[in-house]
């Protein structure tokens, strides 16, 4: 199970995907970070921090959220 965030960075405008796994090891192909779906992640270009547990952090930049299992 996991989640993919399709993002557009509100700081630099970069479009990227961030993939997080739940319950097993998962490595994001964009940033190389591994963690769960509630861990903060960063824009691969300008390093802006996004925190999935804080709605305001994602609200302006989130294009789509995909859940998979």
N, C-alpha and C. Protein backbone atom coordinates (compact mmCIF):
# COMPACT_ATOMS: atom_id res chain seq x y z
N UNK A 1 0.83 -1.17 0.00
CA UNK A 1 0.00 0.00 0.00
C UNK A 1 0.88 1.24 0.00
N UNK A 2 0.44 2.29 -0.62
CA UNK A 2 1.21 3.52 -0.64
C UNK A 2 0.41 4.68 -1.19
N UNK A 3 1.09 5.79 -1.31
CA UNK A 3 0.45 7.00 -1.81
C UNK A 3 1.44 7.72 -2.72
N UNK A 4 0.91 8.31 -3.79
CA UNK A 4 1.72 9.12 -4.69
C UNK A 4 1.12 10.52 -4.69
N UNK A 5 1.94 11.50 -4.38
CA UNK A 5 1.53 12.90 -4.44
C UNK A 5 2.04 13.49 -5.75
N UNK A 6 1.16 14.01 -6.57
CA UNK A 6 1.55 14.73 -7.78
C UNK A 6 1.53 16.21 -7.39
N UNK A 7 2.70 16.84 -7.46
CA UNK A 7 2.89 18.16 -6.90
C UNK A 7 3.31 19.18 -7.94
N UNK A 8 2.98 20.43 -7.69
CA UNK A 8 3.52 21.58 -8.41
C UNK A 8 4.03 22.52 -7.33
N UNK A 9 5.32 22.66 -7.21
CA UNK A 9 5.91 23.45 -6.14
C UNK A 9 5.46 24.91 -6.25
N UNK A 10 4.89 25.43 -5.17
CA UNK A 10 4.41 26.81 -5.17
C UNK A 10 5.55 27.82 -5.11
N UNK A 11 6.74 27.37 -4.78
CA UNK A 11 7.89 28.28 -4.72
C UNK A 11 8.57 28.41 -6.07
N UNK A 12 8.92 27.27 -6.72
CA UNK A 12 9.71 27.34 -7.96
C UNK A 12 8.94 26.87 -9.20
N UNK A 13 7.75 26.27 -9.02
CA UNK A 13 6.94 25.84 -10.15
C UNK A 13 7.26 24.47 -10.71
N UNK A 14 8.22 23.77 -10.10
CA UNK A 14 8.58 22.43 -10.57
C UNK A 14 7.43 21.45 -10.36
N UNK A 15 7.16 20.60 -11.35
CA UNK A 15 6.18 19.53 -11.23
C UNK A 15 6.94 18.24 -10.92
N UNK A 16 6.50 17.53 -9.87
CA UNK A 16 7.16 16.28 -9.50
C UNK A 16 6.19 15.36 -8.79
N UNK A 17 6.55 14.08 -8.74
CA UNK A 17 5.78 13.08 -8.00
C UNK A 17 6.58 12.68 -6.77
N UNK A 18 5.89 12.46 -5.66
CA UNK A 18 6.54 11.92 -4.48
C UNK A 18 5.78 10.66 -4.08
N UNK A 19 6.48 9.56 -3.95
CA UNK A 19 5.87 8.26 -3.65
C UNK A 19 6.30 7.82 -2.27
N UNK A 20 5.33 7.46 -1.42
CA UNK A 20 5.63 6.98 -0.07
C UNK A 20 4.97 5.63 0.13
N UNK A 21 5.66 4.73 0.81
CA UNK A 21 5.13 3.40 1.07
C UNK A 21 4.59 3.30 2.47
N UNK A 22 3.66 2.40 2.66
CA UNK A 22 3.07 2.17 3.97
C UNK A 22 3.22 0.69 4.29
N UNK A 23 3.92 0.36 5.36
CA UNK A 23 4.01 -1.02 5.80
C UNK A 23 5.15 -1.81 5.22
N UNK A 24 5.91 -1.25 4.28
CA UNK A 24 7.08 -1.94 3.73
C UNK A 24 8.02 -0.90 3.15
N UNK A 25 9.23 -1.31 2.82
CA UNK A 25 10.21 -0.36 2.29
C UNK A 25 9.77 0.15 0.93
N UNK A 26 9.84 1.44 0.75
CA UNK A 26 9.50 2.07 -0.52
C UNK A 26 10.43 3.27 -0.70
N UNK A 27 11.03 3.39 -1.85
CA UNK A 27 11.92 4.50 -2.13
C UNK A 27 11.32 5.37 -3.22
N UNK A 28 11.22 6.66 -2.97
CA UNK A 28 10.67 7.59 -3.95
C UNK A 28 11.62 7.73 -5.14
N UNK A 29 11.16 7.50 -6.37
CA UNK A 29 12.04 7.61 -7.53
C UNK A 29 12.48 9.05 -7.82
N UNK A 30 11.75 10.04 -7.32
CA UNK A 30 12.11 11.44 -7.57
C UNK A 30 13.21 11.91 -6.63
N UNK A 31 13.02 11.70 -5.32
CA UNK A 31 13.97 12.26 -4.35
C UNK A 31 14.84 11.20 -3.68
N UNK A 32 14.51 9.91 -3.85
CA UNK A 32 15.29 8.84 -3.24
C UNK A 32 14.99 8.64 -1.77
N UNK A 33 14.08 9.43 -1.21
CA UNK A 33 13.72 9.33 0.19
C UNK A 33 12.84 8.11 0.42
N UNK A 34 13.00 7.49 1.56
CA UNK A 34 12.12 6.38 1.92
C UNK A 34 11.45 6.73 3.23
N UNK A 35 10.22 6.35 3.38
CA UNK A 35 9.49 6.68 4.59
C UNK A 35 8.03 6.33 4.43
N UNK A 36 7.22 6.82 5.35
CA UNK A 36 5.80 6.53 5.27
C UNK A 36 5.05 7.71 4.66
N UNK A 37 3.73 7.55 4.54
CA UNK A 37 2.94 8.57 3.86
C UNK A 37 2.73 9.83 4.69
N UNK A 38 3.19 9.84 5.96
CA UNK A 38 3.04 11.03 6.78
C UNK A 38 4.36 11.77 6.99
N UNK A 39 5.44 11.26 6.39
CA UNK A 39 6.75 11.88 6.54
C UNK A 39 6.87 13.10 5.64
N UNK A 40 7.51 14.17 6.12
CA UNK A 40 7.71 15.33 5.25
C UNK A 40 8.63 15.00 4.08
N UNK A 41 8.47 15.71 2.98
CA UNK A 41 9.35 15.54 1.82
C UNK A 41 9.63 16.91 1.24
N UNK A 42 10.54 16.97 0.28
CA UNK A 42 11.04 18.25 -0.22
C UNK A 42 10.99 18.31 -1.74
N UNK A 43 10.82 19.51 -2.28
CA UNK A 43 10.89 19.73 -3.72
C UNK A 43 12.30 19.36 -4.18
N UNK A 44 12.44 18.59 -5.27
CA UNK A 44 13.76 18.17 -5.74
C UNK A 44 14.61 19.31 -6.31
N UNK A 45 14.02 20.47 -6.58
CA UNK A 45 14.77 21.59 -7.16
C UNK A 45 15.12 22.64 -6.10
N UNK A 46 14.12 23.15 -5.36
CA UNK A 46 14.38 24.25 -4.43
C UNK A 46 14.37 23.82 -2.96
N UNK A 47 14.08 22.55 -2.69
CA UNK A 47 14.07 21.98 -1.33
C UNK A 47 12.97 22.55 -0.42
N UNK A 48 11.89 23.07 -1.00
CA UNK A 48 10.76 23.50 -0.18
C UNK A 48 10.19 22.28 0.54
N UNK A 49 9.89 22.42 1.82
CA UNK A 49 9.37 21.30 2.62
C UNK A 49 7.85 21.18 2.47
N UNK A 50 7.39 19.95 2.27
CA UNK A 50 5.97 19.63 2.24
C UNK A 50 5.69 18.62 3.34
N UNK A 51 4.68 18.87 4.15
CA UNK A 51 4.34 17.98 5.27
C UNK A 51 2.92 17.46 5.06
N UNK A 52 2.76 16.18 4.71
CA UNK A 52 1.42 15.63 4.44
C UNK A 52 0.47 15.67 5.63
N UNK A 53 0.99 15.79 6.86
CA UNK A 53 0.12 15.81 8.03
C UNK A 53 -0.46 17.20 8.30
N UNK A 54 0.06 18.23 7.61
CA UNK A 54 -0.43 19.60 7.76
C UNK A 54 -1.07 20.02 6.44
N UNK A 55 -2.39 20.12 6.43
CA UNK A 55 -3.11 20.41 5.18
C UNK A 55 -2.63 21.68 4.50
N UNK A 56 -2.34 22.74 5.27
CA UNK A 56 -1.90 24.01 4.68
C UNK A 56 -0.59 23.85 3.91
N UNK A 57 0.23 22.88 4.32
CA UNK A 57 1.52 22.64 3.68
C UNK A 57 1.35 22.12 2.25
N UNK A 58 0.31 21.34 2.01
CA UNK A 58 0.09 20.73 0.69
C UNK A 58 -0.94 21.47 -0.16
N UNK A 59 -1.81 22.20 0.48
CA UNK A 59 -2.99 22.76 -0.18
C UNK A 59 -2.70 23.51 -1.48
N UNK A 60 -1.70 24.39 -1.48
CA UNK A 60 -1.42 25.21 -2.66
C UNK A 60 -0.68 24.46 -3.77
N UNK A 61 -0.05 23.34 -3.44
CA UNK A 61 0.83 22.66 -4.38
C UNK A 61 0.33 21.31 -4.87
N UNK A 62 -0.61 20.72 -4.18
CA UNK A 62 -1.08 19.37 -4.51
C UNK A 62 -1.95 19.37 -5.76
N UNK A 63 -1.54 18.59 -6.76
CA UNK A 63 -2.32 18.45 -7.99
C UNK A 63 -3.23 17.24 -7.90
N UNK A 64 -2.70 16.13 -7.35
CA UNK A 64 -3.45 14.88 -7.30
C UNK A 64 -2.82 13.96 -6.27
N UNK A 65 -3.66 13.15 -5.62
CA UNK A 65 -3.18 12.12 -4.69
C UNK A 65 -3.69 10.78 -5.18
N UNK A 66 -2.78 9.83 -5.35
CA UNK A 66 -3.14 8.49 -5.80
C UNK A 66 -2.80 7.49 -4.71
N UNK A 67 -3.74 6.63 -4.35
CA UNK A 67 -3.49 5.56 -3.39
C UNK A 67 -3.36 4.25 -4.14
N UNK A 68 -2.42 3.42 -3.72
CA UNK A 68 -2.23 2.12 -4.38
C UNK A 68 -1.98 1.06 -3.33
N UNK A 69 -2.26 -0.17 -3.71
CA UNK A 69 -2.00 -1.29 -2.80
C UNK A 69 -1.47 -2.49 -3.53
